[in-house]
Amino acid sequence: MTQPVLADVASERHRQDDLWGEQNHPDGTGRAAQVAAAEVARAITDRSAEAGTLTWAEILTEETTEALAETDPVKLRRELVQVAAVAAAWIEALDRRGVGG
């Protein structure tokens, strides 16, 4: 189920490493605007879920903004895993529709 998606992600990571080498940037998270964006994204996702109109874009935006709002490295890692999991789930949904990669 997820293996083909994870293989695609691993392939992309290898491509990135080949292109740019190991990357070690500051996190740059936890700014006031990022915290506010996470709150807005959460509210939009909640409203859409209640209305039955929730989209993958809204889910991924919520998870991404939550990660960007986080300052604790352990919690940030957890949030980024959630971002990756949602992205993988969205790719799987595209594949079920016959999009394929």
PDB file of N, CA and C in Angstrom:
ATOM      1  N   MET A   1       0.830  -1.190   0.000  1.00  0.00           N
ATOM      2  CA  MET A   1       0.000   0.000   0.000  1.00  0.00           C
ATOM      3  C   MET A   1       0.874   1.253   0.000  1.00  0.00           C
ATOM      4  N   THR A   2       1.650   1.518   1.023  1.00  0.00           N
ATOM      5  CA  THR A   2       2.457   2.732   1.115  1.00  0.00           C
ATOM      6  C   THR A   2       3.847   2.538   0.516  1.00  0.00           C
ATOM      7  N   GLN A   3       4.286   1.306   0.316  1.00  0.00           N
ATOM      8  CA  GLN A   3       5.652   1.056  -0.151  1.00  0.00           C
ATOM      9  C   GLN A   3       6.001   1.787  -1.452  1.00  0.00           C
ATOM     10  N   PRO A   4       5.148   1.756  -2.485  1.00  0.00           N
ATOM     11  CA  PRO A   4       5.504   2.482  -3.708  1.00  0.00           C
ATOM     12  C   PRO A   4       5.664   3.985  -3.469  1.00  0.00           C
ATOM     13  N   VAL A   5       4.837   4.541  -2.623  1.00  0.00           N
ATOM     14  CA  VAL A   5       4.936   5.970  -2.308  1.00  0.00           C
ATOM     15  C   VAL A   5       6.239   6.245  -1.570  1.00  0.00           C
ATOM     16  N   LEU A   6       6.553   5.430  -0.581  1.00  0.00           N
ATOM     17  CA  LEU A   6       7.791   5.622   0.176  1.00  0.00           C
ATOM     18  C   LEU A   6       9.020   5.434  -0.712  1.00  0.00           C
ATOM     19  N   ALA A   7       8.934   4.519  -1.673  1.00  0.00           N
ATOM     20  CA  ALA A   7      10.038   4.340  -2.621  1.00  0.00           C
ATOM     21  C   ALA A   7      10.211   5.595  -3.472  1.00  0.00           C
ATOM     22  N   ASP A   8       9.098   6.203  -3.883  1.00  0.00           N
ATOM     23  CA  ASP A   8       9.173   7.458  -4.642  1.00  0.00           C
ATOM     24  C   ASP A   8       9.794   8.570  -3.803  1.00  0.00           C
ATOM     25  N   VAL A   9       9.415   8.628  -2.527  1.00  0.00           N
ATOM     26  CA  VAL A   9       9.968   9.651  -1.630  1.00  0.00           C
ATOM     27  C   VAL A   9      11.468   9.420  -1.440  1.00  0.00           C
ATOM     28  N   ALA A  10      11.861   8.176  -1.217  1.00  0.00           N
ATOM     29  CA  ALA A  10      13.285   7.862  -1.048  1.00  0.00           C
ATOM     30  C   ALA A  10      14.070   8.233  -2.304  1.00  0.00           C
ATOM     31  N   SER A  11      13.513   7.956  -3.451  1.00  0.00           N
ATOM     32  CA  SER A  11      14.164   8.308  -4.711  1.00  0.00           C
ATOM     33  C   SER A  11      14.338   9.820  -4.837  1.00  0.00           C
ATOM     34  N   GLU A  12      13.315  10.569  -4.465  1.00  0.00           N
ATOM     35  CA  GLU A  12      13.399  12.030  -4.504  1.00  0.00           C
ATOM     36  C   GLU A  12      14.435  12.550  -3.518  1.00  0.00           C
ATOM     37  N   ARG A  13      14.510  11.951  -2.328  1.00  0.00           N
ATOM     38  CA  ARG A  13      15.520  12.372  -1.348  1.00  0.00           C
ATOM     39  C   ARG A  13      16.934  12.133  -1.876  1.00  0.00           C
ATOM     40  N   HIS A  14      17.139  10.998  -2.541  1.00  0.00           N
ATOM     41  CA  HIS A  14      18.454  10.720  -3.137  1.00  0.00           C
ATOM     42  C   HIS A  14      18.775  11.756  -4.212  1.00  0.00           C
ATOM     43  N   ARG A  15      17.785  12.102  -5.018  1.00  0.00           N
ATOM     44  CA  ARG A  15      17.978  13.104  -6.060  1.00  0.00           C
ATOM     45  C   ARG A  15      18.369  14.443  -5.441  1.00  0.00           C
ATOM     46  N   GLN A  16      17.675  14.819  -4.351  1.00  0.00           N
ATOM     47  CA  GLN A  16      17.984  16.078  -3.670  1.00  0.00           C
ATOM     48  C   GLN A  16      19.405  16.071  -3.106  1.00  0.00           C
ATOM     49  N   ASP A  17      19.783  14.955  -2.486  1.00  0.00           N
ATOM     50  CA  ASP A  17      21.145  14.852  -1.940  1.00  0.00           C
ATOM     51  C   ASP A  17      22.191  14.951  -3.047  1.00  0.00           C
ATOM     52  N   ASP A  18      21.913  14.300  -4.169  1.00  0.00           N
ATOM     53  CA  ASP A  18      22.842  14.375  -5.295  1.00  0.00           C
ATOM     54  C   ASP A  18      22.955  15.803  -5.819  1.00  0.00           C
ATOM     55  N   LEU A  19      21.849  16.502  -5.814  1.00  0.00           N
ATOM     56  CA  LEU A  19      21.808  17.861  -6.353  1.00  0.00           C
ATOM     57  C   LEU A  19      22.449  18.879  -5.425  1.00  0.00           C
ATOM     58  N   TRP A  20      22.122  18.808  -4.129  1.00  0.00           N
ATOM     59  CA  TRP A  20      22.532  19.853  -3.189  1.00  0.00           C
ATOM     60  C   TRP A  20      23.447  19.371  -2.070  1.00  0.00           C
ATOM     61  N   GLY A  21      23.642  18.071  -1.955  1.00  0.00           N
ATOM     62  CA  GLY A  21      24.417  17.557  -0.829  1.00  0.00           C
ATOM     63  C   GLY A  21      23.597  17.622   0.454  1.00  0.00           C
ATOM     64  N   GLU A  22      24.254  17.300   1.554  1.00  0.00           N
ATOM     65  CA  GLU A  22      23.569  17.336   2.850  1.00  0.00           C
ATOM     66  C   GLU A  22      23.191  18.776   3.190  1.00  0.00           C
ATOM     67  N   GLN A  23      21.960  18.967   3.613  1.00  0.00           N
ATOM     68  CA  GLN A  23      21.446  20.298   3.947  1.00  0.00           C
ATOM     69  C   GLN A  23      21.280  20.420   5.462  1.00  0.00           C
ATOM     70  N   ASN A  24      21.797  21.496   6.039  1.00  0.00           N
ATOM     71  CA  ASN A  24      21.693  21.741   7.482  1.00  0.00           C
ATOM     72  C   ASN A  24      21.342  23.209   7.710  1.00  0.00           C
ATOM     73  N   HIS A  25      20.057  23.512   7.597  1.00  0.00           N
ATOM     74  CA  HIS A  25      19.563  24.877   7.750  1.00  0.00           C
ATOM     75  C   HIS A  25      18.928  25.052   9.128  1.00  0.00           C
ATOM     76  N   PRO A  26      18.801  26.292   9.606  1.00  0.00           N
ATOM     77  CA  PRO A  26      18.025  26.526  10.825  1.00  0.00           C
ATOM     78  C   PRO A  26      16.557  26.153  10.572  1.00  0.00           C
ATOM     79  N   ASP A  27      15.851  25.802  11.631  1.00  0.00           N
ATOM     80  CA  ASP A  27      14.447  25.422  11.478  1.00  0.00           C
ATOM     81  C   ASP A  27      13.587  26.605  11.044  1.00  0.00           C
ATOM     82  N   GLY A  28      13.765  27.757  11.654  1.00  0.00           N
ATOM     83  CA  GLY A  28      12.987  28.936  11.278  1.00  0.00           C
ATOM     84  C   GLY A  28      11.512  28.835  11.620  1.00  0.00           C
ATOM     85  N   THR A  29      11.196  28.101  12.671  1.00  0.00           N
ATOM     86  CA  THR A  29       9.794  27.888  13.038  1.00  0.00           C
ATOM     87  C   THR A  29       9.423  28.682  14.283  1.00  0.00           C
ATOM     88  N   GLY A  30       8.132  28.717  14.573  1.00  0.00           N
ATOM     89  CA  GLY A  30       7.645  29.293  15.816  1.00  0.00           C
ATOM     90  C   GLY A  30       7.436  30.792  15.810  1.00  0.00           C
ATOM     91  N   ARG A  31       7.498  31.410  14.662  1.00  0.00           N
ATOM     92  CA  ARG A  31       7.254  32.852  14.588  1.00  0.00           C
ATOM     93  C   ARG A  31       5.774  33.132  14.787  1.00  0.00           C
ATOM     94  N   ALA A  32       5.472  34.342  15.238  1.00  0.00           N
ATOM     95  CA  ALA A  32       4.085  34.712  15.544  1.00  0.00           C
ATOM     96  C   ALA A  32       3.173  34.505  14.339  1.00  0.00           C
ATOM     97  N   ALA A  33       3.626  34.885  13.162  1.00  0.00           N
ATOM     98  CA  ALA A  33       2.802  34.723  11.960  1.00  0.00           C
ATOM     99  C   ALA A  33       2.548  33.250  11.658  1.00  0.00           C
ATOM    100  N   GLN A  34       3.524  32.392  11.966  1.00  0.00           N
ATOM    101  CA  GLN A  34       3.353  30.961  11.731  1.00  0.00           C
ATOM    102  C   GLN A  34       2.356  30.359  12.716  1.00  0.00           C
ATOM    103  N   VAL A  35       2.402  30.822  13.951  1.00  0.00           N
ATOM    104  CA  VAL A  35       1.441  30.365  14.959  1.00  0.00           C
ATOM    105  C   VAL A  35       0.035  30.798  14.555  1.00  0.00           C
ATOM    106  N   ALA A  36      -0.105  32.042  14.111  1.00  0.00           N
ATOM    107  CA  ALA A  36      -1.412  32.549  13.676  1.00  0.00           C
ATOM    108  C   ALA A  36      -1.918  31.774  12.462  1.00  0.00           C
ATOM    109  N   ALA A  37      -1.031  31.474  11.522  1.00  0.00           N
ATOM    110  CA  ALA A  37      -1.430  30.718  10.333  1.00  0.00           C
ATOM    111  C   ALA A  37      -1.917  29.324  10.707  1.00  0.00           C
ATOM    112  N   ALA A  38      -1.280  28.707  11.700  1.00  0.00           N
ATOM    113  CA  ALA A  38      -1.707  27.380  12.151  1.00  0.00           C
ATOM    114  C   ALA A  38      -3.103  27.439  12.747  1.00  0.00           C
ATOM    115  N   GLU A  39      -3.379  28.482  13.504  1.00  0.00           N
ATOM    116  CA  GLU A  39      -4.714  28.640  14.091  1.00  0.00           C
ATOM    117  C   GLU A  39      -5.769  28.817  13.006  1.00  0.00           C
ATOM    118  N   VAL A  40      -5.466  29.615  11.997  1.00  0.00           N
ATOM    119  CA  VAL A  40      -6.401  29.825  10.886  1.00  0.00           C
ATOM    120  C   VAL A  40      -6.618  28.516  10.126  1.00  0.00           C
ATOM    121  N   ALA A  41      -5.537  27.814   9.823  1.00  0.00           N
ATOM    122  CA  ALA A  41      -5.647  26.552   9.087  1.00  0.00           C
ATOM    123  C   ALA A  41      -6.464  25.529   9.865  1.00  0.00           C
ATOM    124  N   ARG A  42      -6.263  25.476  11.171  1.00  0.00           N
ATOM    125  CA  ARG A  42      -7.027  24.557  12.017  1.00  0.00           C
ATOM    126  C   ARG A  42      -8.516  24.890  11.952  1.00  0.00           C
ATOM    127  N   ALA A  43      -8.853  26.174  12.021  1.00  0.00           N
ATOM    128  CA  ALA A  43     -10.256  26.601  11.969  1.00  0.00           C
ATOM    129  C   ALA A  43     -10.880  26.256  10.615  1.00  0.00           C
ATOM    130  N   ILE A  44     -10.138  26.470   9.542  1.00  0.00           N
ATOM    131  CA  ILE A  44     -10.648  26.149   8.205  1.00  0.00           C
ATOM    132  C   ILE A  44     -10.886  24.652   8.074  1.00  0.00           C
ATOM    133  N   THR A  45      -9.930  23.853   8.539  1.00  0.00           N
ATOM    134  CA  THR A  45     -10.062  22.401   8.473  1.00  0.00           C
ATOM    135  C   THR A  45     -11.255  21.924   9.291  1.00  0.00           C
ATOM    136  N   ASP A  46     -11.413  22.469  10.486  1.00  0.00           N
ATOM    137  CA  ASP A  46     -12.550  22.094  11.332  1.00  0.00           C
ATOM    138  C   ASP A  46     -13.873  22.425  10.652  1.00  0.00           C
ATOM    139  N   ARG A  47     -13.964  23.632  10.085  1.00  0.00           N
ATOM    140  CA  ARG A  47     -15.205  24.040   9.403  1.00  0.00           C
ATOM    141  C   ARG A  47     -15.502  23.143   8.211  1.00  0.00           C
ATOM    142  N   SER A  48     -14.494  22.870   7.419  1.00  0.00           N
ATOM    143  CA  SER A  48     -14.691  22.024   6.243  1.00  0.00           C
ATOM    144  C   SER A  48     -15.072  20.602   6.639  1.00  0.00           C
ATOM    145  N   ALA A  49     -14.450  20.082   7.690  1.00  0.00           N
ATOM    146  CA  ALA A  49     -14.790  18.734   8.162  1.00  0.00           C
ATOM    147  C   ALA A  49     -16.241  18.683   8.619  1.00  0.00           C
ATOM    148  N   GLU A  50     -16.665  19.694   9.357  1.00  0.00           N
ATOM    149  CA  GLU A  50     -18.057  19.744   9.820  1.00  0.00           C
ATOM    150  C   GLU A  50     -19.031  19.844   8.653  1.00  0.00           C
ATOM    151  N   ALA A  51     -18.644  20.549   7.598  1.00  0.00           N
ATOM    152  CA  ALA A  51     -19.512  20.736   6.431  1.00  0.00           C
ATOM    153  C   ALA A  51     -19.430  19.568   5.450  1.00  0.00           C
ATOM    154  N   GLY A  52     -18.494  18.649   5.688  1.00  0.00           N
ATOM    155  CA  GLY A  52     -18.325  17.517   4.787  1.00  0.00           C
ATOM    156  C   GLY A  52     -17.619  17.881   3.488  1.00  0.00           C
ATOM    157  N   THR A  53     -16.837  18.956   3.505  1.00  0.00           N
ATOM    158  CA  THR A  53     -16.153  19.420   2.292  1.00  0.00           C
ATOM    159  C   THR A  53     -14.631  19.422   2.444  1.00  0.00           C
ATOM    160  N   LEU A  54     -14.122  18.696   3.409  1.00  0.00           N
ATOM    161  CA  LEU A  54     -12.689  18.697   3.702  1.00  0.00           C
ATOM    162  C   LEU A  54     -11.885  18.194   2.502  1.00  0.00           C
ATOM    163  N   THR A  55     -10.798  18.894   2.190  1.00  0.00           N
ATOM    164  CA  THR A  55      -9.942  18.522   1.060  1.00  0.00           C
ATOM    165  C   THR A  55      -8.550  18.133   1.553  1.00  0.00           C
ATOM    166  N   TRP A  56      -7.838  17.421   0.686  1.00  0.00           N
ATOM    167  CA  TRP A  56      -6.451  17.085   0.996  1.00  0.00           C
ATOM    168  C   TRP A  56      -5.618  18.343   1.177  1.00  0.00           C
ATOM    169  N   ALA A  57      -5.888  19.349   0.361  1.00  0.00           N
ATOM    170  CA  ALA A  57      -5.125  20.600   0.462  1.00  0.00           C
ATOM    171  C   ALA A  57      -5.297  21.225   1.840  1.00  0.00           C
ATOM    172  N   GLU A  58      -6.509  21.198   2.359  1.00  0.00           N
ATOM    173  CA  GLU A  58      -6.756  21.766   3.691  1.00  0.00           C
ATOM    174  C   GLU A  58      -6.063  20.955   4.779  1.00  0.00           C
ATOM    175  N   ILE A  59      -6.114  19.639   4.660  1.00  0.00           N
ATOM    176  CA  ILE A  59      -5.473  18.779   5.660  1.00  0.00           C
ATOM    177  C   ILE A  59      -3.961  19.000   5.657  1.00  0.00           C
ATOM    178  N   LEU A  60      -3.357  18.998   4.471  1.00  0.00           N
ATOM    179  CA  LEU A  60      -1.908  19.187   4.392  1.00  0.00           C
ATOM    180  C   LEU A  60      -1.503  20.583   4.847  1.00  0.00           C
ATOM    181  N   THR A  61      -2.311  21.576   4.517  1.00  0.00           N
ATOM    182  CA  THR A  61      -2.022  22.938   4.975  1.00  0.00           C
ATOM    183  C   THR A  61      -2.053  23.013   6.489  1.00  0.00           C
ATOM    184  N   GLU A  62      -3.062  22.391   7.100  1.00  0.00           N
ATOM    185  CA  GLU A  62      -3.133  22.397   8.565  1.00  0.00           C
ATOM    186  C   GLU A  62      -1.900  21.738   9.172  1.00  0.00           C
ATOM    187  N   GLU A  63      -1.548  20.558   8.685  1.00  0.00           N
ATOM    188  CA  GLU A  63      -0.392  19.849   9.242  1.00  0.00           C
ATOM    189  C   GLU A  63       0.898  20.639   9.029  1.00  0.00           C
ATOM    190  N   THR A  64       1.046  21.237   7.863  1.00  0.00           N
ATOM    191  CA  THR A  64       2.256  22.009   7.564  1.00  0.00           C
ATOM    192  C   THR A  64       2.354  23.243   8.448  1.00  0.00           C
ATOM    193  N   THR A  65       1.254  23.966   8.593  1.00  0.00           N
ATOM    194  CA  THR A  65       1.300  25.172   9.426  1.00  0.00           C
ATOM    195  C   THR A  65       1.514  24.819  10.891  1.00  0.00           C
ATOM    196  N   GLU A  66       0.982  23.678  11.337  1.00  0.00           N
ATOM    197  CA  GLU A  66       1.256  23.248  12.713  1.00  0.00           C
ATOM    198  C   GLU A  66       2.747  22.980  12.902  1.00  0.00           C
ATOM    199  N   ALA A  67       3.373  22.362  11.912  1.00  0.00           N
ATOM    200  CA  ALA A  67       4.821  22.122  11.997  1.00  0.00           C
ATOM    201  C   ALA A  67       5.581  23.441  12.026  1.00  0.00           C
ATOM    202  N   LEU A  68       5.201  24.373  11.181  1.00  0.00           N
ATOM    203  CA  LEU A  68       5.902  25.653  11.117  1.00  0.00           C
ATOM    204  C   LEU A  68       5.730  26.473  12.390  1.00  0.00           C
ATOM    205  N   ALA A  69       4.664  26.224  13.128  1.00  0.00           N
ATOM    206  CA  ALA A  69       4.411  26.957  14.369  1.00  0.00           C
ATOM    207  C   ALA A  69       5.194  26.392  15.550  1.00  0.00           C
ATOM    208  N   GLU A  70       5.703  25.180  15.417  1.00  0.00           N
ATOM    209  CA  GLU A  70       6.332  24.471  16.541  1.00  0.00           C
ATOM    210  C   GLU A  70       7.781  24.907  16.749  1.00  0.00           C
ATOM    211  N   THR A  71       8.158  25.117  18.016  1.00  0.00           N
ATOM    212  CA  THR A  71       9.541  25.490  18.338  1.00  0.00           C
ATOM    213  C   THR A  71      10.329  24.350  18.980  1.00  0.00           C
ATOM    214  N   ASP A  72       9.648  23.455  19.664  1.00  0.00           N
ATOM    215  CA  ASP A  72      10.321  22.336  20.318  1.00  0.00           C
ATOM    216  C   ASP A  72      10.758  21.327  19.249  1.00  0.00           C
ATOM    217  N   PRO A  73      12.061  20.994  19.170  1.00  0.00           N
ATOM    218  CA  PRO A  73      12.542  20.101  18.111  1.00  0.00           C
ATOM    219  C   PRO A  73      11.896  18.714  18.115  1.00  0.00           C
ATOM    220  N   VAL A  74      11.605  18.171  19.280  1.00  0.00           N
ATOM    221  CA  VAL A  74      10.971  16.853  19.356  1.00  0.00           C
ATOM    222  C   VAL A  74       9.550  16.934  18.803  1.00  0.00           C
ATOM    223  N   LYS A  75       8.815  17.964  19.207  1.00  0.00           N
ATOM    224  CA  LYS A  75       7.452  18.145  18.695  1.00  0.00           C
ATOM    225  C   LYS A  75       7.465  18.495  17.210  1.00  0.00           C
ATOM    226  N   LEU A  76       8.452  19.286  16.784  1.00  0.00           N
ATOM    227  CA  LEU A  76       8.581  19.631  15.368  1.00  0.00           C
ATOM    228  C   LEU A  76       8.776  18.370  14.537  1.00  0.00           C
ATOM    229  N   ARG A  77       9.636  17.474  14.998  1.00  0.00           N
ATOM    230  CA  ARG A  77       9.857  16.218  14.272  1.00  0.00           C
ATOM    231  C   ARG A  77       8.555  15.440  14.151  1.00  0.00           C
ATOM    232  N   ARG A  78       7.813  15.362  15.258  1.00  0.00           N
ATOM    233  CA  ARG A  78       6.531  14.652  15.258  1.00  0.00           C
ATOM    234  C   ARG A  78       5.572  15.281  14.240  1.00  0.00           C
ATOM    235  N   GLU A  79       5.521  16.611  14.214  1.00  0.00           N
ATOM    236  CA  GLU A  79       4.649  17.312  13.263  1.00  0.00           C
ATOM    237  C   GLU A  79       5.091  17.060  11.823  1.00  0.00           C
ATOM    238  N   LEU A  80       6.396  17.059  11.588  1.00  0.00           N
ATOM    239  CA  LEU A  80       6.888  16.817  10.231  1.00  0.00           C
ATOM    240  C   LEU A  80       6.595  15.394   9.767  1.00  0.00           C
ATOM    241  N   VAL A  81       6.622  14.430  10.686  1.00  0.00           N
ATOM    242  CA  VAL A  81       6.218  13.065  10.339  1.00  0.00           C
ATOM    243  C   VAL A  81       4.749  13.068   9.928  1.00  0.00           C
ATOM    244  N   GLN A  82       3.924  13.838  10.635  1.00  0.00           N
ATOM    245  CA  GLN A  82       2.512  13.941  10.262  1.00  0.00           C
ATOM    246  C   GLN A  82       2.355  14.573   8.880  1.00  0.00           C
ATOM    247  N   VAL A  83       3.158  15.596   8.587  1.00  0.00           N
ATOM    248  CA  VAL A  83       3.133  16.212   7.254  1.00  0.00           C
ATOM    249  C   VAL A  83       3.463  15.159   6.197  1.00  0.00           C
ATOM    250  N   ALA A  84       4.526  14.402   6.435  1.00  0.00           N
ATOM    251  CA  ALA A  84       4.934  13.373   5.476  1.00  0.00           C
ATOM    252  C   ALA A  84       3.855  12.304   5.315  1.00  0.00           C
ATOM    253  N   ALA A  85       3.219  11.917   6.421  1.00  0.00           N
ATOM    254  CA  ALA A  85       2.178  10.892   6.364  1.00  0.00           C
ATOM    255  C   ALA A  85       0.967  11.378   5.577  1.00  0.00           C
ATOM    256  N   VAL A  86       0.574  12.624   5.786  1.00  0.00           N
ATOM    257  CA  VAL A  86      -0.564  13.168   5.034  1.00  0.00           C
ATOM    258  C   VAL A  86      -0.205  13.265   3.554  1.00  0.00           C
ATOM    259  N   ALA A  87       1.009  13.723   3.252  1.00  0.00           N
ATOM    260  CA  ALA A  87       1.432  13.802   1.850  1.00  0.00           C
ATOM    261  C   ALA A  87       1.406  12.415   1.207  1.00  0.00           C
ATOM    262  N   ALA A  88       1.880  11.405   1.938  1.00  0.00           N
ATOM    263  CA  ALA A  88       1.860  10.035   1.415  1.00  0.00           C
ATOM    264  C   ALA A  88       0.428   9.556   1.199  1.00  0.00           C
ATOM    265  N   ALA A  89      -0.459   9.860   2.139  1.00  0.00           N
ATOM    266  CA  ALA A  89      -1.860   9.460   1.999  1.00  0.00           C
ATOM    267  C   ALA A  89      -2.501  10.131   0.785  1.00  0.00           C
ATOM    268  N   TRP A  90      -2.161  11.388   0.564  1.00  0.00           N
ATOM    269  CA  TRP A  90      -2.702  12.111  -0.590  1.00  0.00           C
ATOM    270  C   TRP A  90      -2.191  11.492  -1.894  1.00  0.00           C
ATOM    271  N   ILE A  91      -0.909  11.143  -1.925  1.00  0.00           N
ATOM    272  CA  ILE A  91      -0.349  10.489  -3.110  1.00  0.00           C
ATOM    273  C   ILE A  91      -1.058   9.163  -3.356  1.00  0.00           C
ATOM    274  N   GLU A  92      -1.299   8.399  -2.287  1.00  0.00           N
ATOM    275  CA  GLU A  92      -2.031   7.132  -2.425  1.00  0.00           C
ATOM    276  C   GLU A  92      -3.421   7.373  -2.996  1.00  0.00           C
ATOM    277  N   ALA A  93      -4.086   8.436  -2.545  1.00  0.00           N
ATOM    278  CA  ALA A  93      -5.417   8.759  -3.067  1.00  0.00           C
ATOM    279  C   ALA A  93      -5.342   9.091  -4.559  1.00  0.00           C
ATOM    280  N   LEU A  94      -4.315   9.836  -4.954  1.00  0.00           N
ATOM    281  CA  LEU A  94      -4.123  10.130  -6.380  1.00  0.00           C
ATOM    282  C   LEU A  94      -3.899   8.843  -7.169  1.00  0.00           C
ATOM    283  N   ASP A  95      -3.071   7.947  -6.619  1.00  0.00           N
ATOM    284  CA  ASP A  95      -2.794   6.677  -7.289  1.00  0.00           C
ATOM    285  C   ASP A  95      -4.064   5.844  -7.436  1.00  0.00           C
ATOM    286  N   ARG A  96      -4.933   5.860  -6.422  1.00  0.00           N
ATOM    287  CA  ARG A  96      -6.201   5.123  -6.518  1.00  0.00           C
ATOM    288  C   ARG A  96      -7.075   5.676  -7.641  1.00  0.00           C
ATOM    289  N   ARG A  97      -6.897   6.949  -7.951  1.00  0.00           N
ATOM    290  CA  ARG A  97      -7.636   7.573  -9.057  1.00  0.00           C
ATOM    291  C   ARG A  97      -6.947   7.338 -10.397  1.00  0.00           C
ATOM    292  N   GLY A  98      -5.842   6.593 -10.374  1.00  0.00           N
ATOM    293  CA  GLY A  98      -5.161   6.250 -11.606  1.00  0.00           C
ATOM    294  C   GLY A  98      -4.139   7.261 -12.078  1.00  0.00           C
ATOM    295  N   VAL A  99      -3.763   8.197 -11.207  1.00  0.00           N
ATOM    296  CA  VAL A  99      -2.793   9.218 -11.603  1.00  0.00           C
ATOM    297  C   VAL A  99      -1.418   8.596 -11.783  1.00  0.00           C
ATOM    298  N   GLY A 100      -0.977   7.816 -10.794  1.00  0.00           N
ATOM    299  CA  GLY A 100       0.328   7.154 -10.864  1.00  0.00           C
ATOM    300  C   GLY A 100       1.480   8.120 -11.007  1.00  0.00           C
ATOM    301  N   GLY A 101       2.675   7.644 -10.807  1.00  0.00           N
ATOM    302  CA  GLY A 101       3.836   8.519 -10.883  1.00  0.00           C
ATOM    303  C   GLY A 101       4.842   7.966 -11.779  1.00  0.00           C
TER     304      GLY A 101
END
